[in-house]
Amino acid sequence: MEDVFYRDKIVRASDRAEWNVSINGATPIRARIGAGMEPLVNEPAVRIESVSGLNGNVRNIACMELPAKLFGKTRFRAGDKIDLDSTFFTHCRAYRVEWRGQFQLGE
């Protein structure tokens, strides 16, 4: 995509994949990932690791670390139940995938 659709061969942040995650209804954490570039996230306390492809190799492997303090807790504990909402939009919002559920944290 970079070579074909972008004159300077750089995917703009607004066109990159977008990953939104919320726990227990809190304000969503929004991240732009992909295109072989560093992830951009709207919350500095969140850590994201991402591996992505270029020029048609469109895989995204990503993880997001969400500190408990963002959700009004000093720490998460075994047995805590969390409601997780995750929405992923692919390049230029071509596709949308959602995961939702309630999960009980293990030890």
N, C-alpha and C. Protein backbone atom coordinates (compact mmCIF):
# COMPACT_ATOMS: atom_id res chain seq x y z
N MET A 1 0.81 -1.19 0.00
CA MET A 1 0.00 0.00 0.00
C MET A 1 0.85 1.26 0.00
N GLU A 2 1.92 1.22 0.79
CA GLU A 2 2.74 2.41 0.92
C GLU A 2 3.27 2.89 -0.42
N ASP A 3 3.80 1.97 -1.21
CA ASP A 3 4.40 2.36 -2.49
C ASP A 3 3.35 2.72 -3.53
N VAL A 4 2.18 2.07 -3.49
CA VAL A 4 1.17 2.27 -4.52
C VAL A 4 0.28 3.48 -4.24
N PHE A 5 -0.16 3.64 -3.00
CA PHE A 5 -1.17 4.66 -2.70
C PHE A 5 -0.63 5.95 -2.10
N TYR A 6 0.62 5.96 -1.66
CA TYR A 6 1.15 7.14 -0.99
C TYR A 6 2.37 7.66 -1.74
N ARG A 7 2.27 8.88 -2.24
CA ARG A 7 3.33 9.47 -3.06
C ARG A 7 4.68 9.43 -2.35
N ASP A 8 4.69 9.76 -1.04
CA ASP A 8 5.95 9.76 -0.30
C ASP A 8 6.21 8.43 0.42
N LYS A 9 5.37 7.43 0.14
CA LYS A 9 5.51 6.06 0.66
C LYS A 9 5.38 5.98 2.18
N ILE A 10 4.62 6.92 2.76
CA ILE A 10 4.38 6.93 4.20
C ILE A 10 2.88 6.96 4.46
N VAL A 11 2.38 5.99 5.22
CA VAL A 11 0.96 5.95 5.57
C VAL A 11 0.70 6.97 6.67
N ARG A 12 -0.25 7.85 6.45
CA ARG A 12 -0.62 8.85 7.44
C ARG A 12 -1.22 8.18 8.67
N ALA A 13 -1.05 8.79 9.84
CA ALA A 13 -1.60 8.24 11.08
C ALA A 13 -3.10 8.02 10.95
N SER A 14 -3.80 8.92 10.30
CA SER A 14 -5.26 8.80 10.16
C SER A 14 -5.68 7.61 9.30
N ASP A 15 -4.78 7.06 8.49
CA ASP A 15 -5.08 5.91 7.65
C ASP A 15 -4.63 4.58 8.27
N ARG A 16 -3.79 4.66 9.31
CA ARG A 16 -3.27 3.46 9.94
C ARG A 16 -4.38 2.72 10.68
N ALA A 17 -4.12 1.46 11.00
CA ALA A 17 -5.07 0.68 11.78
C ALA A 17 -5.31 1.37 13.12
N GLU A 18 -6.56 1.29 13.60
CA GLU A 18 -6.92 1.92 14.88
C GLU A 18 -7.43 0.83 15.82
N TRP A 19 -6.91 0.83 17.04
CA TRP A 19 -7.30 -0.14 18.06
C TRP A 19 -7.78 0.61 19.28
N ASN A 20 -9.04 0.39 19.64
CA ASN A 20 -9.65 1.05 20.79
C ASN A 20 -9.97 -0.01 21.84
N VAL A 21 -9.56 0.24 23.08
CA VAL A 21 -9.78 -0.71 24.17
C VAL A 21 -10.32 0.04 25.38
N SER A 22 -11.35 -0.53 26.00
CA SER A 22 -11.93 0.04 27.21
C SER A 22 -12.20 -1.08 28.21
N ILE A 23 -11.92 -0.80 29.48
CA ILE A 23 -12.21 -1.75 30.55
C ILE A 23 -13.24 -1.12 31.47
N ASN A 24 -14.28 -1.89 31.77
CA ASN A 24 -15.35 -1.48 32.70
C ASN A 24 -15.97 -0.14 32.31
N GLY A 25 -16.12 0.09 31.01
CA GLY A 25 -16.79 1.29 30.54
C GLY A 25 -15.99 2.57 30.62
N ALA A 26 -14.71 2.48 31.00
CA ALA A 26 -13.86 3.68 31.09
C ALA A 26 -13.64 4.26 29.69
N THR A 27 -13.17 5.49 29.65
CA THR A 27 -12.85 6.14 28.38
C THR A 27 -11.91 5.25 27.59
N PRO A 28 -12.21 5.01 26.32
CA PRO A 28 -11.37 4.11 25.53
C PRO A 28 -9.94 4.62 25.34
N ILE A 29 -9.01 3.70 25.35
CA ILE A 29 -7.63 3.96 24.96
C ILE A 29 -7.61 3.80 23.45
N ARG A 30 -7.10 4.78 22.74
CA ARG A 30 -7.08 4.74 21.27
C ARG A 30 -5.63 4.70 20.79
N ALA A 31 -5.36 3.75 19.93
CA ALA A 31 -4.00 3.59 19.40
C ALA A 31 -4.04 3.45 17.89
N ARG A 32 -3.05 4.02 17.24
CA ARG A 32 -2.84 3.82 15.80
C ARG A 32 -1.62 2.93 15.66
N ILE A 33 -1.80 1.83 14.96
CA ILE A 33 -0.71 0.87 14.80
C ILE A 33 -0.59 0.48 13.33
N GLY A 34 0.52 -0.16 13.01
CA GLY A 34 0.71 -0.69 11.66
C GLY A 34 1.61 0.15 10.80
N ALA A 35 1.70 -0.26 9.55
CA ALA A 35 2.49 0.40 8.50
C ALA A 35 3.98 0.44 8.82
N GLY A 36 4.44 -0.48 9.69
CA GLY A 36 5.85 -0.54 10.02
C GLY A 36 6.34 0.63 10.85
N MET A 37 5.41 1.36 11.47
CA MET A 37 5.77 2.56 12.23
C MET A 37 5.51 2.34 13.72
N GLU A 38 6.07 3.23 14.54
CA GLU A 38 5.86 3.17 15.98
C GLU A 38 4.38 3.41 16.29
N PRO A 39 3.83 2.69 17.26
CA PRO A 39 2.44 2.93 17.65
C PRO A 39 2.26 4.33 18.24
N LEU A 40 1.09 4.92 17.99
CA LEU A 40 0.70 6.19 18.59
C LEU A 40 -0.48 5.91 19.49
N VAL A 41 -0.45 6.41 20.72
CA VAL A 41 -1.53 6.13 21.67
C VAL A 41 -1.92 7.42 22.39
N ASN A 42 -3.21 7.55 22.73
CA ASN A 42 -3.70 8.78 23.35
C ASN A 42 -3.48 8.84 24.86
N GLU A 43 -2.91 7.81 25.44
CA GLU A 43 -2.68 7.77 26.89
C GLU A 43 -1.24 7.38 27.15
N PRO A 44 -0.41 8.31 27.67
CA PRO A 44 1.02 8.04 27.85
C PRO A 44 1.33 6.90 28.83
N ALA A 45 0.42 6.57 29.74
CA ALA A 45 0.67 5.49 30.71
C ALA A 45 0.53 4.11 30.08
N VAL A 46 -0.03 4.03 28.88
CA VAL A 46 -0.25 2.75 28.20
C VAL A 46 0.98 2.40 27.37
N ARG A 47 1.38 1.12 27.46
CA ARG A 47 2.51 0.64 26.66
C ARG A 47 1.97 -0.27 25.56
N ILE A 48 2.42 -0.04 24.35
CA ILE A 48 2.02 -0.87 23.21
C ILE A 48 3.26 -1.39 22.51
N GLU A 49 3.22 -2.66 22.19
CA GLU A 49 4.24 -3.28 21.34
C GLU A 49 3.53 -3.73 20.08
N SER A 50 4.12 -3.48 18.93
CA SER A 50 3.46 -3.81 17.68
C SER A 50 4.48 -4.21 16.62
N VAL A 51 4.13 -5.24 15.89
CA VAL A 51 4.92 -5.68 14.74
C VAL A 51 3.96 -5.69 13.56
N SER A 52 4.33 -5.01 12.50
CA SER A 52 3.44 -4.95 11.34
C SER A 52 4.23 -5.08 10.06
N GLY A 53 3.50 -5.35 9.00
CA GLY A 53 4.13 -5.52 7.70
C GLY A 53 4.02 -4.28 6.85
N LEU A 54 4.65 -4.33 5.68
CA LEU A 54 4.63 -3.23 4.72
C LEU A 54 4.23 -3.74 3.35
N ASN A 55 3.72 -2.84 2.53
CA ASN A 55 3.45 -3.11 1.12
C ASN A 55 2.69 -4.41 0.86
N GLY A 56 1.51 -4.49 1.41
CA GLY A 56 0.65 -5.65 1.16
C GLY A 56 0.81 -6.77 2.16
N ASN A 57 1.88 -6.78 2.92
CA ASN A 57 2.04 -7.76 4.00
C ASN A 57 1.39 -7.10 5.22
N VAL A 58 0.08 -7.28 5.35
CA VAL A 58 -0.70 -6.45 6.26
C VAL A 58 -0.96 -7.05 7.63
N ARG A 59 -0.14 -7.97 8.05
CA ARG A 59 -0.35 -8.55 9.38
C ARG A 59 -0.06 -7.51 10.45
N ASN A 60 -0.78 -7.60 11.55
CA ASN A 60 -0.51 -6.78 12.73
C ASN A 60 -0.48 -7.70 13.93
N ILE A 61 0.60 -7.67 14.65
CA ILE A 61 0.70 -8.39 15.92
C ILE A 61 0.94 -7.31 16.96
N ALA A 62 0.03 -7.21 17.92
CA ALA A 62 0.14 -6.10 18.87
C ALA A 62 -0.34 -6.53 20.25
N CYS A 63 0.22 -5.89 21.26
CA CYS A 63 -0.25 -6.08 22.63
C CYS A 63 -0.27 -4.72 23.30
N MET A 64 -1.18 -4.60 24.28
CA MET A 64 -1.37 -3.34 24.98
C MET A 64 -1.36 -3.62 26.48
N GLU A 65 -0.53 -2.91 27.22
CA GLU A 65 -0.47 -3.02 28.67
C GLU A 65 -1.24 -1.85 29.26
N LEU A 66 -2.30 -2.17 30.02
CA LEU A 66 -3.17 -1.15 30.61
C LEU A 66 -2.96 -1.11 32.12
N PRO A 67 -2.33 -0.07 32.64
CA PRO A 67 -2.10 0.02 34.09
C PRO A 67 -3.41 0.14 34.86
N ALA A 68 -3.48 -0.50 36.02
CA ALA A 68 -4.69 -0.50 36.85
C ALA A 68 -5.10 0.91 37.24
N LYS A 69 -4.14 1.81 37.40
CA LYS A 69 -4.45 3.18 37.84
C LYS A 69 -5.38 3.90 36.87
N LEU A 70 -5.36 3.50 35.59
CA LEU A 70 -6.26 4.12 34.62
C LEU A 70 -7.72 3.78 34.89
N PHE A 71 -7.94 2.76 35.71
CA PHE A 71 -9.29 2.29 35.99
C PHE A 71 -9.66 2.47 37.46
N GLY A 72 -8.94 3.40 38.12
CA GLY A 72 -9.27 3.73 39.50
C GLY A 72 -8.85 2.70 40.52
N LYS A 73 -7.88 1.84 40.18
CA LYS A 73 -7.40 0.82 41.11
C LYS A 73 -5.91 0.99 41.32
N THR A 74 -5.44 0.57 42.49
CA THR A 74 -4.00 0.58 42.70
C THR A 74 -3.36 -0.60 42.01
N ARG A 75 -4.11 -1.71 41.90
CA ARG A 75 -3.64 -2.88 41.15
C ARG A 75 -4.82 -3.80 40.88
N PHE A 76 -4.68 -4.61 39.84
CA PHE A 76 -5.66 -5.65 39.58
C PHE A 76 -5.34 -6.83 40.47
N ARG A 77 -6.36 -7.54 40.91
CA ARG A 77 -6.18 -8.70 41.77
C ARG A 77 -6.83 -9.93 41.16
N ALA A 78 -6.31 -11.09 41.51
CA ALA A 78 -6.93 -12.34 41.08
C ALA A 78 -8.38 -12.33 41.53
N GLY A 79 -9.27 -12.71 40.65
CA GLY A 79 -10.69 -12.74 40.97
C GLY A 79 -11.44 -11.50 40.51
N ASP A 80 -10.72 -10.39 40.23
CA ASP A 80 -11.39 -9.20 39.72
C ASP A 80 -12.09 -9.55 38.41
N LYS A 81 -13.27 -8.99 38.25
CA LYS A 81 -13.99 -9.16 36.98
C LYS A 81 -13.88 -7.86 36.21
N ILE A 82 -13.55 -7.99 34.93
CA ILE A 82 -13.46 -6.81 34.08
C ILE A 82 -14.32 -7.00 32.85
N ASP A 83 -14.95 -5.92 32.44
CA ASP A 83 -15.67 -5.90 31.17
C ASP A 83 -14.71 -5.30 30.16
N LEU A 84 -14.39 -6.06 29.13
CA LEU A 84 -13.43 -5.63 28.11
C LEU A 84 -14.16 -5.37 26.81
N ASP A 85 -13.95 -4.18 26.25
CA ASP A 85 -14.44 -3.83 24.92
C ASP A 85 -13.23 -3.49 24.07
N SER A 86 -13.10 -4.15 22.93
CA SER A 86 -11.97 -3.91 22.04
C SER A 86 -12.50 -3.82 20.61
N THR A 87 -12.14 -2.76 19.92
CA THR A 87 -12.53 -2.59 18.52
C THR A 87 -11.28 -2.32 17.71
N PHE A 88 -11.14 -3.02 16.60
CA PHE A 88 -9.99 -2.87 15.72
C PHE A 88 -10.48 -2.51 14.33
N PHE A 89 -10.00 -1.38 13.80
CA PHE A 89 -10.28 -0.98 12.43
C PHE A 89 -9.01 -1.17 11.61
N THR A 90 -9.12 -1.82 10.48
CA THR A 90 -7.95 -2.04 9.63
C THR A 90 -7.60 -0.76 8.87
N HIS A 91 -6.56 -0.83 8.05
CA HIS A 91 -6.09 0.28 7.23
C HIS A 91 -7.25 1.01 6.57
N CYS A 92 -7.31 2.31 6.73
CA CYS A 92 -8.36 3.17 6.16
C CYS A 92 -9.77 2.75 6.58
N ARG A 93 -9.87 2.06 7.72
CA ARG A 93 -11.16 1.60 8.26
C ARG A 93 -11.90 0.68 7.29
N ALA A 94 -11.15 -0.10 6.52
CA ALA A 94 -11.77 -1.00 5.56
C ALA A 94 -12.58 -2.09 6.24
N TYR A 95 -12.11 -2.60 7.37
CA TYR A 95 -12.80 -3.65 8.11
C TYR A 95 -12.82 -3.29 9.59
N ARG A 96 -13.79 -3.86 10.29
CA ARG A 96 -13.95 -3.61 11.73
C ARG A 96 -14.15 -4.96 12.42
N VAL A 97 -13.41 -5.16 13.51
CA VAL A 97 -13.55 -6.38 14.32
C VAL A 97 -13.75 -5.94 15.76
N GLU A 98 -14.71 -6.56 16.46
CA GLU A 98 -14.96 -6.22 17.86
C GLU A 98 -14.88 -7.47 18.73
N TRP A 99 -14.35 -7.28 19.93
CA TRP A 99 -14.35 -8.32 20.96
C TRP A 99 -14.96 -7.69 22.20
N ARG A 100 -15.89 -8.36 22.79
CA ARG A 100 -16.50 -7.87 24.04
C ARG A 100 -16.74 -9.05 24.95
N GLY A 101 -16.55 -8.81 26.23
CA GLY A 101 -16.85 -9.87 27.18
C GLY A 101 -16.51 -9.47 28.59
N GLN A 102 -16.96 -10.30 29.51
CA GLN A 102 -16.60 -10.12 30.91
C GLN A 102 -15.63 -11.25 31.27
N PHE A 103 -14.53 -10.87 31.90
CA PHE A 103 -13.48 -11.84 32.21
C PHE A 103 -13.12 -11.74 33.67
N GLN A 104 -12.84 -12.90 34.28
CA GLN A 104 -12.37 -12.93 35.65
C GLN A 104 -10.87 -13.17 35.61
N LEU A 105 -10.12 -12.30 36.28
CA LEU A 105 -8.67 -12.40 36.26
C LEU A 105 -8.20 -13.57 37.09
N GLY A 106 -7.25 -14.34 36.55
CA GLY A 106 -6.67 -15.48 37.25
C GLY A 106 -5.47 -15.04 38.08
N GLU A 107 -4.81 -16.02 38.64
CA GLU A 107 -3.65 -15.71 39.47
C GLU A 107 -2.38 -15.52 38.68
